Structure formats: structure tokens, C-alpha cells
């Protein structure tokens, strides 16, 4: 599955637009992770516990995006974006979304 953040794919043309697709993940750190991260936030700087959590959540959201686009019959996703939000004070929502399309190479 080709995933791009652009509207077009070089040397390809969109032959069918299947519609929007998305992958969503909601994650929370455990109590221990929140305590360690809270202590790190006192001194400032990067909080690696949360960085890893959000990196993993983004990867998981992309995996779900690909699953949904594949189920729609797509071979590519264009205009892919991420969005995120906080739910309460302990959970993060990560959404990967884009347009599911069928593309084919352009003959030269």
C-alpha cells in the first residue's frame, strides 16, 4: 500500500477514488509510566515514555488505516494526515486519515 501526503503520486494516475478512510487509536500510559513522566516533566526536556507511546500509536493508526483502505479495494492512500487529541488527562487519541484510491502507472 502506497501512502503519500500529497494529492498526486508521481508517474501514476488515480483511476478510482474510493472515499475517505481512517485508522484510530486511543492509548494511555499506565500509572507507573505517568508517575515517571510526571517527575521528568518537573525538570523539563523530552519525556521519552510519552514519545514512545505516541510513536507506537501513530504506527498502529497507520496499520489500521491500511487495513480499512485495503478492505475498500484501494492500492494507495493520498492526502494522508495525522490528528491527535487528549481525552481526559490520561489518554491520547491518534487518527491517521486520507483518501483511499486506486492508482496505476502512467504509460510513457
PDB file of N, CA and C in Angstrom:
ATOM      1  N   UNK A   1       0.855  -1.178   0.000  1.00  0.00           N
ATOM      2  CA  UNK A   1       0.000   0.000   0.000  1.00  0.00           C
ATOM      3  C   UNK A   1       0.893   1.230   0.000  1.00  0.00           C
ATOM      4  N   UNK A   2       0.717   2.072  -0.983  1.00  0.00           N
ATOM      5  CA  UNK A   2       1.457   3.324  -1.063  1.00  0.00           C
ATOM      6  C   UNK A   2       0.676   4.389  -0.307  1.00  0.00           C
ATOM      7  N   UNK A   3       1.359   5.078   0.598  1.00  0.00           N
ATOM      8  CA  UNK A   3       0.737   6.146   1.382  1.00  0.00           C
ATOM      9  C   UNK A   3       1.529   7.418   1.151  1.00  0.00           C
ATOM     10  N   UNK A   4       0.842   8.468   0.704  1.00  0.00           N
ATOM     11  CA  UNK A   4       1.506   9.746   0.454  1.00  0.00           C
ATOM     12  C   UNK A   4       0.714  10.882   1.091  1.00  0.00           C
ATOM     13  N   UNK A   5       1.412  11.957   1.395  1.00  0.00           N
ATOM     14  CA  UNK A   5       0.755  13.133   1.961  1.00  0.00           C
ATOM     15  C   UNK A   5       0.351  14.129   0.876  1.00  0.00           C
ATOM     16  N   UNK A   6       0.640  13.788  -0.351  1.00  0.00           N
ATOM     17  CA  UNK A   6       0.323  14.662  -1.484  1.00  0.00           C
ATOM     18  C   UNK A   6      -0.973  14.222  -2.155  1.00  0.00           C
ATOM     19  N   UNK A   7      -1.481  15.083  -3.038  1.00  0.00           N
ATOM     20  CA  UNK A   7      -2.713  14.761  -3.756  1.00  0.00           C
ATOM     21  C   UNK A   7      -2.450  13.809  -4.917  1.00  0.00           C
ATOM     22  N   UNK A   8      -1.246  13.877  -5.470  1.00  0.00           N
ATOM     23  CA  UNK A   8      -0.886  13.061  -6.633  1.00  0.00           C
ATOM     24  C   UNK A   8       0.335  12.214  -6.328  1.00  0.00           C
ATOM     25  N   UNK A   9       0.485  11.142  -7.095  1.00  0.00           N
ATOM     26  CA  UNK A   9       1.650  10.269  -6.995  1.00  0.00           C
ATOM     27  C   UNK A   9       2.397  10.378  -8.314  1.00  0.00           C
ATOM     28  N   UNK A  10       3.672  10.702  -8.250  1.00  0.00           N
ATOM     29  CA  UNK A  10       4.467  10.880  -9.469  1.00  0.00           C
ATOM     30  C   UNK A  10       4.376   9.647 -10.364  1.00  0.00           C
ATOM     31  N   UNK A  11       4.188   9.900 -11.650  1.00  0.00           N
ATOM     32  CA  UNK A  11       4.140   8.858 -12.685  1.00  0.00           C
ATOM     33  C   UNK A  11       2.980   7.880 -12.509  1.00  0.00           C
ATOM     34  N   UNK A  12       1.937   8.292 -11.789  1.00  0.00           N
ATOM     35  CA  UNK A  12       0.732   7.482 -11.608  1.00  0.00           C
ATOM     36  C   UNK A  12      -0.491   8.366 -11.811  1.00  0.00           C
ATOM     37  N   UNK A  13      -1.595   7.734 -12.108  1.00  0.00           N
ATOM     38  CA  UNK A  13      -2.856   8.478 -12.173  1.00  0.00           C
ATOM     39  C   UNK A  13      -3.892   7.747 -11.340  1.00  0.00           C
ATOM     40  N   UNK A  14      -4.783   8.514 -10.768  1.00  0.00           N
ATOM     41  CA  UNK A  14      -5.876   7.948  -9.980  1.00  0.00           C
ATOM     42  C   UNK A  14      -6.948   7.488 -10.958  1.00  0.00           C
ATOM     43  N   UNK A  15      -7.293   6.205 -10.899  1.00  0.00           N
ATOM     44  CA  UNK A  15      -8.332   5.681 -11.788  1.00  0.00           C
ATOM     45  C   UNK A  15      -9.665   5.524 -11.060  1.00  0.00           C
ATOM     46  N   UNK A  16      -9.614   5.507  -9.727  1.00  0.00           N
ATOM     47  CA  UNK A  16     -10.845   5.421  -8.950  1.00  0.00           C
ATOM     48  C   UNK A  16     -10.620   6.001  -7.560  1.00  0.00           C
ATOM     49  N   UNK A  17     -11.511   6.877  -7.148  1.00  0.00           N
ATOM     50  CA  UNK A  17     -11.479   7.425  -5.788  1.00  0.00           C
ATOM     51  C   UNK A  17     -12.541   6.686  -4.983  1.00  0.00           C
ATOM     52  N   UNK A  18     -12.097   6.044  -3.898  1.00  0.00           N
ATOM     53  CA  UNK A  18     -12.994   5.199  -3.116  1.00  0.00           C
ATOM     54  C   UNK A  18     -13.575   5.908  -1.903  1.00  0.00           C
ATOM     55  N   UNK A  19     -12.977   7.015  -1.500  1.00  0.00           N
ATOM     56  CA  UNK A  19     -13.510   7.780  -0.379  1.00  0.00           C
ATOM     57  C   UNK A  19     -12.547   7.866   0.789  1.00  0.00           C
ATOM     58  N   UNK A  20     -13.006   8.508   1.830  1.00  0.00           N
ATOM     59  CA  UNK A  20     -12.148   8.705   2.999  1.00  0.00           C
ATOM     60  C   UNK A  20     -11.968   7.404   3.751  1.00  0.00           C
ATOM     61  N   UNK A  21     -10.813   7.292   4.378  1.00  0.00           N
ATOM     62  CA  UNK A  21     -10.546   6.146   5.237  1.00  0.00           C
ATOM     63  C   UNK A  21      -9.721   6.648   6.414  1.00  0.00           C
ATOM     64  N   UNK A  22      -9.760   5.901   7.488  1.00  0.00           N
ATOM     65  CA  UNK A  22      -9.043   6.342   8.680  1.00  0.00           C
ATOM     66  C   UNK A  22      -8.647   5.151   9.526  1.00  0.00           C
ATOM     67  N   UNK A  23      -7.721   5.398  10.431  1.00  0.00           N
ATOM     68  CA  UNK A  23      -7.335   4.454  11.462  1.00  0.00           C
ATOM     69  C   UNK A  23      -7.220   5.237  12.750  1.00  0.00           C
ATOM     70  N   UNK A  24      -7.843   4.745  13.808  1.00  0.00           N
ATOM     71  CA  UNK A  24      -7.861   5.483  15.067  1.00  0.00           C
ATOM     72  C   UNK A  24      -7.355   4.596  16.201  1.00  0.00           C
ATOM     73  N   UNK A  25      -6.610   5.204  17.111  1.00  0.00           N
ATOM     74  CA  UNK A  25      -6.073   4.506  18.278  1.00  0.00           C
ATOM     75  C   UNK A  25      -6.210   5.438  19.478  1.00  0.00           C
ATOM     76  N   UNK A  26      -6.620   4.886  20.599  1.00  0.00           N
ATOM     77  CA  UNK A  26      -6.643   5.630  21.860  1.00  0.00           C
ATOM     78  C   UNK A  26      -5.729   4.883  22.814  1.00  0.00           C
ATOM     79  N   UNK A  27      -4.764   5.598  23.353  1.00  0.00           N
ATOM     80  CA  UNK A  27      -3.775   4.973  24.236  1.00  0.00           C
ATOM     81  C   UNK A  27      -3.663   5.728  25.544  1.00  0.00           C
ATOM     82  N   UNK A  28      -3.259   4.989  26.572  1.00  0.00           N
ATOM     83  CA  UNK A  28      -2.991   5.589  27.871  1.00  0.00           C
ATOM     84  C   UNK A  28      -1.763   4.935  28.463  1.00  0.00           C
ATOM     85  N   UNK A  29      -0.937   5.723  29.113  1.00  0.00           N
ATOM     86  CA  UNK A  29       0.195   5.165  29.846  1.00  0.00           C
ATOM     87  C   UNK A  29      -0.332   4.586  31.145  1.00  0.00           C
ATOM     88  N   UNK A  30       0.325   3.573  31.632  1.00  0.00           N
ATOM     89  CA  UNK A  30      -0.043   3.014  32.928  1.00  0.00           C
ATOM     90  C   UNK A  30       0.306   3.995  34.038  1.00  0.00           C
ATOM     91  N   UNK A  31      -0.151   3.711  35.232  1.00  0.00           N
ATOM     92  CA  UNK A  31       0.094   4.582  36.379  1.00  0.00           C
ATOM     93  C   UNK A  31       1.586   4.805  36.601  1.00  0.00           C
ATOM     94  N   UNK A  32       2.381   3.735  36.526  1.00  0.00           N
ATOM     95  CA  UNK A  32       3.831   3.870  36.723  1.00  0.00           C
ATOM     96  C   UNK A  32       4.461   4.784  35.690  1.00  0.00           C
ATOM     97  N   UNK A  33       4.061   4.622  34.418  1.00  0.00           N
ATOM     98  CA  UNK A  33       4.588   5.474  33.355  1.00  0.00           C
ATOM     99  C   UNK A  33       4.213   6.923  33.541  1.00  0.00           C
ATOM    100  N   UNK A  34       2.985   7.159  33.994  1.00  0.00           N
ATOM    101  CA  UNK A  34       2.543   8.536  34.241  1.00  0.00           C
ATOM    102  C   UNK A  34       3.333   9.173  35.378  1.00  0.00           C
ATOM    103  N   UNK A  35       3.645   8.398  36.410  1.00  0.00           N
ATOM    104  CA  UNK A  35       4.423   8.938  37.534  1.00  0.00           C
ATOM    105  C   UNK A  35       5.829   9.299  37.085  1.00  0.00           C
ATOM    106  N   UNK A  36       6.484   8.381  36.342  1.00  0.00           N
ATOM    107  CA  UNK A  36       7.843   8.649  35.850  1.00  0.00           C
ATOM    108  C   UNK A  36       7.831   9.860  34.921  1.00  0.00           C
ATOM    109  N   UNK A  37       6.854   9.913  34.008  1.00  0.00           N
ATOM    110  CA  UNK A  37       6.764  11.044  33.078  1.00  0.00           C
ATOM    111  C   UNK A  37       6.501  12.340  33.829  1.00  0.00           C
ATOM    112  N   UNK A  38       5.666  12.284  34.870  1.00  0.00           N
ATOM    113  CA  UNK A  38       5.391  13.472  35.676  1.00  0.00           C
ATOM    114  C   UNK A  38       6.638  13.993  36.358  1.00  0.00           C
ATOM    115  N   UNK A  39       7.442  13.091  36.868  1.00  0.00           N
ATOM    116  CA  UNK A  39       8.701  13.504  37.501  1.00  0.00           C
ATOM    117  C   UNK A  39       9.657  14.118  36.481  1.00  0.00           C
ATOM    118  N   UNK A  40       9.710  13.526  35.283  1.00  0.00           N
ATOM    119  CA  UNK A  40      10.587  14.071  34.239  1.00  0.00           C
ATOM    120  C   UNK A  40      10.129  15.467  33.808  1.00  0.00           C
ATOM    121  N   UNK A  41       8.822  15.707  33.825  1.00  0.00           N
ATOM    122  CA  UNK A  41       8.314  17.000  33.369  1.00  0.00           C
ATOM    123  C   UNK A  41       8.703  18.126  34.319  1.00  0.00           C
ATOM    124  N   UNK A  42       9.027  17.796  35.545  1.00  0.00           N
ATOM    125  CA  UNK A  42       9.437  18.817  36.510  1.00  0.00           C
ATOM    126  C   UNK A  42      10.740  19.478  36.074  1.00  0.00           C
ATOM    127  N   UNK A  43      11.674  18.656  35.560  1.00  0.00           N
ATOM    128  CA  UNK A  43      12.974  19.201  35.155  1.00  0.00           C
ATOM    129  C   UNK A  43      12.990  19.662  33.705  1.00  0.00           C
ATOM    130  N   UNK A  44      11.963  19.321  32.941  1.00  0.00           N
ATOM    131  CA  UNK A  44      11.872  19.774  31.556  1.00  0.00           C
ATOM    132  C   UNK A  44      12.578  18.837  30.597  1.00  0.00           C
ATOM    133  N   UNK A  45      12.449  19.119  29.313  1.00  0.00           N
ATOM    134  CA  UNK A  45      13.068  18.305  28.270  1.00  0.00           C
ATOM    135  C   UNK A  45      12.104  17.258  27.736  1.00  0.00           C
ATOM    136  N   UNK A  46      12.634  16.417  26.866  1.00  0.00           N
ATOM    137  CA  UNK A  46      11.826  15.364  26.267  1.00  0.00           C
ATOM    138  C   UNK A  46      11.418  14.336  27.319  1.00  0.00           C
ATOM    139  N   UNK A  47      10.215  13.810  27.144  1.00  0.00           N
ATOM    140  CA  UNK A  47       9.720  12.747  28.023  1.00  0.00           C
ATOM    141  C   UNK A  47       9.642  11.483  27.162  1.00  0.00           C
ATOM    142  N   UNK A  48      10.710  10.663  27.196  1.00  0.00           N
ATOM    143  CA  UNK A  48      10.791   9.510  26.283  1.00  0.00           C
ATOM    144  C   UNK A  48       9.638   8.522  26.425  1.00  0.00           C
ATOM    145  N   UNK A  49       9.071   8.397  27.621  1.00  0.00           N
ATOM    146  CA  UNK A  49       7.939   7.481  27.806  1.00  0.00           C
ATOM    147  C   UNK A  49       6.759   7.881  26.924  1.00  0.00           C
ATOM    148  N   UNK A  50       6.487   9.185  26.857  1.00  0.00           N
ATOM    149  CA  UNK A  50       5.383   9.652  26.025  1.00  0.00           C
ATOM    150  C   UNK A  50       5.762   9.664  24.540  1.00  0.00           C
ATOM    151  N   UNK A  51       7.010   9.945  24.234  1.00  0.00           N
ATOM    152  CA  UNK A  51       7.446   9.909  22.837  1.00  0.00           C
ATOM    153  C   UNK A  51       7.246   8.514  22.261  1.00  0.00           C
ATOM    154  N   UNK A  52       7.680   7.486  22.989  1.00  0.00           N
ATOM    155  CA  UNK A  52       7.500   6.105  22.525  1.00  0.00           C
ATOM    156  C   UNK A  52       6.013   5.757  22.396  1.00  0.00           C
ATOM    157  N   UNK A  53       5.218   6.183  23.371  1.00  0.00           N
ATOM    158  CA  UNK A  53       3.781   5.913  23.334  1.00  0.00           C
ATOM    159  C   UNK A  53       3.154   6.493  22.069  1.00  0.00           C
ATOM    160  N   UNK A  54       3.482   7.748  21.752  1.00  0.00           N
ATOM    161  CA  UNK A  54       2.880   8.397  20.589  1.00  0.00           C
ATOM    162  C   UNK A  54       3.430   7.849  19.278  1.00  0.00           C
ATOM    163  N   UNK A  55       4.711   7.494  19.222  1.00  0.00           N
ATOM    164  CA  UNK A  55       5.258   6.862  18.013  1.00  0.00           C
ATOM    165  C   UNK A  55       4.561   5.536  17.743  1.00  0.00           C
ATOM    166  N   UNK A  56       4.404   4.729  18.795  1.00  0.00           N
ATOM    167  CA  UNK A  56       3.716   3.441  18.639  1.00  0.00           C
ATOM    168  C   UNK A  56       2.260   3.647  18.225  1.00  0.00           C
ATOM    169  N   UNK A  57       1.607   4.639  18.807  1.00  0.00           N
ATOM    170  CA  UNK A  57       0.211   4.905  18.471  1.00  0.00           C
ATOM    171  C   UNK A  57       0.071   5.337  17.013  1.00  0.00           C
ATOM    172  N   UNK A  58       0.993   6.146  16.522  1.00  0.00           N
ATOM    173  CA  UNK A  58       0.943   6.563  15.112  1.00  0.00           C
ATOM    174  C   UNK A  58       1.121   5.365  14.183  1.00  0.00           C
ATOM    175  N   UNK A  59       2.076   4.508  14.513  1.00  0.00           N
ATOM    176  CA  UNK A  59       2.282   3.305  13.686  1.00  0.00           C
ATOM    177  C   UNK A  59       1.027   2.433  13.686  1.00  0.00           C
ATOM    178  N   UNK A  60       0.422   2.271  14.850  1.00  0.00           N
ATOM    179  CA  UNK A  60      -0.793   1.463  14.960  1.00  0.00           C
ATOM    180  C   UNK A  60      -1.937   2.101  14.167  1.00  0.00           C
ATOM    181  N   UNK A  61      -2.056   3.426  14.227  1.00  0.00           N
ATOM    182  CA  UNK A  61      -3.101   4.122  13.470  1.00  0.00           C
ATOM    183  C   UNK A  61      -2.892   3.934  11.964  1.00  0.00           C
ATOM    184  N   UNK A  62      -1.636   3.979  11.504  1.00  0.00           N
ATOM    185  CA  UNK A  62      -1.355   3.754  10.077  1.00  0.00           C
ATOM    186  C   UNK A  62      -1.717   2.320   9.697  1.00  0.00           C
ATOM    187  N   UNK A  63      -1.385   1.356  10.553  1.00  0.00           N
ATOM    188  CA  UNK A  63      -1.754  -0.039  10.270  1.00  0.00           C
ATOM    189  C   UNK A  63      -3.262  -0.176  10.099  1.00  0.00           C
ATOM    190  N   UNK A  64      -4.029   0.471  10.962  1.00  0.00           N
ATOM    191  CA  UNK A  64      -5.494   0.413  10.856  1.00  0.00           C
ATOM    192  C   UNK A  64      -5.993   1.146   9.614  1.00  0.00           C
ATOM    193  N   UNK A  65      -5.348   2.257   9.266  1.00  0.00           N
ATOM    194  CA  UNK A  65      -5.684   2.990   8.048  1.00  0.00           C
ATOM    195  C   UNK A  65      -5.503   2.086   6.831  1.00  0.00           C
ATOM    196  N   UNK A  66      -4.380   1.388   6.775  1.00  0.00           N
ATOM    197  CA  UNK A  66      -4.102   0.484   5.652  1.00  0.00           C
ATOM    198  C   UNK A  66      -5.127  -0.652   5.606  1.00  0.00           C
ATOM    199  N   UNK A  67      -5.478  -1.211   6.760  1.00  0.00           N
ATOM    200  CA  UNK A  67      -6.493  -2.273   6.805  1.00  0.00           C
ATOM    201  C   UNK A  67      -7.813  -1.785   6.218  1.00  0.00           C
ATOM    202  N   UNK A  68      -8.235  -0.592   6.620  1.00  0.00           N
ATOM    203  CA  UNK A  68      -9.502  -0.044   6.126  1.00  0.00           C
ATOM    204  C   UNK A  68      -9.450   0.257   4.640  1.00  0.00           C
ATOM    205  N   UNK A  69      -8.348   0.830   4.164  1.00  0.00           N
ATOM    206  CA  UNK A  69      -8.219   1.143   2.735  1.00  0.00           C
ATOM    207  C   UNK A  69      -8.179  -0.139   1.907  1.00  0.00           C
ATOM    208  N   UNK A  70      -7.499  -1.151   2.407  1.00  0.00           N
ATOM    209  CA  UNK A  70      -7.441  -2.435   1.704  1.00  0.00           C
ATOM    210  C   UNK A  70      -8.840  -3.050   1.599  1.00  0.00           C
ATOM    211  N   UNK A  71      -9.601  -2.975   2.684  1.00  0.00           N
ATOM    212  CA  UNK A  71     -10.967  -3.508   2.675  1.00  0.00           C
ATOM    213  C   UNK A  71     -11.853  -2.773   1.667  1.00  0.00           C
ATOM    214  N   UNK A  72     -11.518  -1.522   1.391  1.00  0.00           N
ATOM    215  CA  UNK A  72     -12.280  -0.738   0.412  1.00  0.00           C
ATOM    216  C   UNK A  72     -11.850  -1.053  -1.022  1.00  0.00           C
ATOM    217  N   UNK A  73     -10.730  -1.772  -1.185  1.00  0.00           N
ATOM    218  CA  UNK A  73     -10.228  -2.103  -2.515  1.00  0.00           C
ATOM    219  C   UNK A  73      -9.160  -1.159  -3.022  1.00  0.00           C
ATOM    220  N   UNK A  74      -8.589  -0.347  -2.161  1.00  0.00           N
ATOM    221  CA  UNK A  74      -7.575   0.637  -2.567  1.00  0.00           C
ATOM    222  C   UNK A  74      -6.202  -0.011  -2.685  1.00  0.00           C
ATOM    223  N   UNK A  75      -5.355   0.608  -3.492  1.00  0.00           N
ATOM    224  CA  UNK A  75      -3.945   0.224  -3.525  1.00  0.00           C
ATOM    225  C   UNK A  75      -3.053   1.400  -3.133  1.00  0.00           C
ATOM    226  N   UNK A  76      -3.691   2.516  -2.760  1.00  0.00           N
ATOM    227  CA  UNK A  76      -2.937   3.687  -2.316  1.00  0.00           C
ATOM    228  C   UNK A  76      -3.837   4.583  -1.460  1.00  0.00           C
ATOM    229  N   UNK A  77      -3.173   5.413  -0.661  1.00  0.00           N
ATOM    230  CA  UNK A  77      -3.863   6.426   0.141  1.00  0.00           C
ATOM    231  C   UNK A  77      -3.172   7.750  -0.148  1.00  0.00           C
ATOM    232  N   UNK A  78      -3.952   8.730  -0.587  1.00  0.00           N
ATOM    233  CA  UNK A  78      -3.394  10.052  -0.861  1.00  0.00           C
ATOM    234  C   UNK A  78      -3.888  11.029   0.200  1.00  0.00           C
ATOM    235  N   UNK A  79      -3.182  12.133   0.323  1.00  0.00           N
ATOM    236  CA  UNK A  79      -3.533  13.197   1.275  1.00  0.00           C
ATOM    237  C   UNK A  79      -3.602  12.691   2.715  1.00  0.00           C
ATOM    238  N   UNK A  80      -2.690  11.785   3.085  1.00  0.00           N
ATOM    239  CA  UNK A  80      -2.680  11.230   4.436  1.00  0.00           C
ATOM    240  C   UNK A  80      -2.262  12.298   5.432  1.00  0.00           C
ATOM    241  N   UNK A  81      -2.962  12.323   6.560  1.00  0.00           N
ATOM    242  CA  UNK A  81      -2.680  13.266   7.639  1.00  0.00           C
ATOM    243  C   UNK A  81      -2.836  12.552   8.976  1.00  0.00           C
ATOM    244  N   UNK A  82      -2.271  13.171  10.006  1.00  0.00           N
ATOM    245  CA  UNK A  82      -2.480  12.738  11.376  1.00  0.00           C
ATOM    246  C   UNK A  82      -3.249  13.820  12.116  1.00  0.00           C
ATOM    247  N   UNK A  83      -4.019  13.396  13.077  1.00  0.00           N
ATOM    248  CA  UNK A  83      -4.657  14.325  14.004  1.00  0.00           C
ATOM    249  C   UNK A  83      -4.561  13.681  15.377  1.00  0.00           C
ATOM    250  N   UNK A  84      -4.548  14.495  16.401  1.00  0.00           N
ATOM    251  CA  UNK A  84      -4.471  13.940  17.748  1.00  0.00           C
ATOM    252  C   UNK A  84      -5.274  14.814  18.700  1.00  0.00           C
ATOM    253  N   UNK A  85      -5.688  14.191  19.771  1.00  0.00           N
ATOM    254  CA  UNK A  85      -6.434  14.900  20.803  1.00  0.00           C
ATOM    255  C   UNK A  85      -6.191  14.197  22.128  1.00  0.00           C
ATOM    256  N   UNK A  86      -6.439  14.931  23.184  1.00  0.00           N
ATOM    257  CA  UNK A  86      -6.325  14.362  24.517  1.00  0.00           C
ATOM    258  C   UNK A  86      -7.735  14.075  25.009  1.00  0.00           C
ATOM    259  N   UNK A  87      -7.907  12.896  25.593  1.00  0.00           N
ATOM    260  CA  UNK A  87      -9.196  12.524  26.176  1.00  0.00           C
ATOM    261  C   UNK A  87      -8.978  12.470  27.682  1.00  0.00           C
ATOM    262  N   UNK A  88      -9.666  13.319  28.392  1.00  0.00           N
ATOM    263  CA  UNK A  88      -9.389  13.437  29.816  1.00  0.00           C
ATOM    264  C   UNK A  88      -7.973  13.951  29.981  1.00  0.00           C
ATOM    265  N   UNK A  89      -7.295  13.501  30.987  1.00  0.00           N
ATOM    266  CA  UNK A  89      -5.896  13.900  31.168  1.00  0.00           C
ATOM    267  C   UNK A  89      -4.968  12.708  31.107  1.00  0.00           C
ATOM    268  N   UNK A  90      -5.517  11.550  30.731  1.00  0.00           N
ATOM    269  CA  UNK A  90      -4.689  10.348  30.764  1.00  0.00           C
ATOM    270  C   UNK A  90      -4.622   9.604  29.440  1.00  0.00           C
ATOM    271  N   UNK A  91      -5.427   9.999  28.453  1.00  0.00           N
ATOM    272  CA  UNK A  91      -5.469   9.258  27.201  1.00  0.00           C
ATOM    273  C   UNK A  91      -5.202  10.169  26.013  1.00  0.00           C
ATOM    274  N   UNK A  92      -4.572   9.589  24.997  1.00  0.00           N
ATOM    275  CA  UNK A  92      -4.322  10.301  23.745  1.00  0.00           C
ATOM    276  C   UNK A  92      -4.992   9.555  22.606  1.00  0.00           C
ATOM    277  N   UNK A  93      -5.675  10.309  21.755  1.00  0.00           N
ATOM    278  CA  UNK A  93      -6.297   9.754  20.566  1.00  0.00           C
ATOM    279  C   UNK A  93      -5.436  10.160  19.377  1.00  0.00           C
ATOM    280  N   UNK A  94      -5.077   9.191  18.548  1.00  0.00           N
ATOM    281  CA  UNK A  94      -4.317   9.454  17.331  1.00  0.00           C
ATOM    282  C   UNK A  94      -5.140   8.936  16.158  1.00  0.00           C
ATOM    283  N   UNK A  95      -5.334   9.783  15.154  1.00  0.00           N
ATOM    284  CA  UNK A  95      -6.075   9.395  13.962  1.00  0.00           C
ATOM    285  C   UNK A  95      -5.182   9.608  12.752  1.00  0.00           C
ATOM    286  N   UNK A  96      -5.083   8.581  11.913  1.00  0.00           N
ATOM    287  CA  UNK A  96      -4.438   8.702  10.608  1.00  0.00           C
ATOM    288  C   UNK A  96      -5.571   8.639   9.589  1.00  0.00           C
ATOM    289  N   UNK A  97      -5.626   9.596   8.667  1.00  0.00           N
ATOM    290  CA  UNK A  97      -6.720   9.603   7.703  1.00  0.00           C
ATOM    291  C   UNK A  97      -6.236  10.074   6.347  1.00  0.00           C
ATOM    292  N   UNK A  98      -6.998   9.724   5.330  1.00  0.00           N
ATOM    293  CA  UNK A  98      -6.660  10.110   3.970  1.00  0.00           C
ATOM    294  C   UNK A  98      -7.758   9.667   3.029  1.00  0.00           C
ATOM    295  N   UNK A  99      -7.445   9.690   1.739  1.00  0.00           N
ATOM    296  CA  UNK A  99      -8.381   9.278   0.712  1.00  0.00           C
ATOM    297  C   UNK A  99      -7.904   7.977   0.088  1.00  0.00           C
ATOM    298  N   UNK A 100      -8.753   6.962   0.126  1.00  0.00           N
ATOM    299  CA  UNK A 100      -8.431   5.670  -0.468  1.00  0.00           C
ATOM    300  C   UNK A 100      -8.661   5.756  -1.981  1.00  0.00           C
ATOM    301  N   UNK A 101      -7.658   5.352  -2.745  1.00  0.00           N
ATOM    302  CA  UNK A 101      -7.737   5.427  -4.202  1.00  0.00           C
ATOM    303  C   UNK A 101      -7.147   4.171  -4.840  1.00  0.00           C
ATOM    304  N   UNK A 102      -7.469   4.008  -6.091  1.00  0.00           N
ATOM    305  CA  UNK A 102      -6.818   3.006  -6.939  1.00  0.00           C
ATOM    306  C   UNK A 102      -5.990   3.794  -7.944  1.00  0.00           C
ATOM    307  N   UNK A 103      -4.699   3.493  -7.986  1.00  0.00           N
ATOM    308  CA  UNK A 103      -3.818   4.190  -8.918  1.00  0.00           C
ATOM    309  C   UNK A 103      -3.205   3.173  -9.883  1.00  0.00           C
ATOM    310  N   UNK A 104      -2.732   3.702 -11.013  1.00  0.00           N
ATOM    311  CA  UNK A 104      -1.998   2.863 -11.957  1.00  0.00           C
ATOM    312  C   UNK A 104      -0.891   3.705 -12.576  1.00  0.00           C
ATOM    313  N   UNK A 105       0.203   3.050 -12.970  1.00  0.00           N
ATOM    314  CA  UNK A 105       1.306   3.797 -13.594  1.00  0.00           C
ATOM    315  C   UNK A 105       0.862   4.449 -14.891  1.00  0.00           C
ATOM    316  N   UNK A 106       1.429   5.598 -15.192  1.00  0.00           N
ATOM    317  CA  UNK A 106       1.170   6.294 -16.441  1.00  0.00           C
ATOM    318  C   UNK A 106       2.113   5.728 -17.489  1.00  0.00           C
ATOM    319  N   UNK A 107       1.575   5.333 -18.627  1.00  0.00           N
ATOM    320  CA  UNK A 107       2.419   4.823 -19.716  1.00  0.00           C
ATOM    321  C   UNK A 107       3.154   5.973 -20.349  1.00  0.00           C
ATOM    322  N   UNK A 108       4.406   5.734 -20.683  1.00  0.00           N
ATOM    323  CA  UNK A 108       5.193   6.801 -21.325  1.00  0.00           C
ATOM    324  C   UNK A 108       5.432   6.500 -22.757  1.00  0.00           C
TER     325      UNK A 108
END
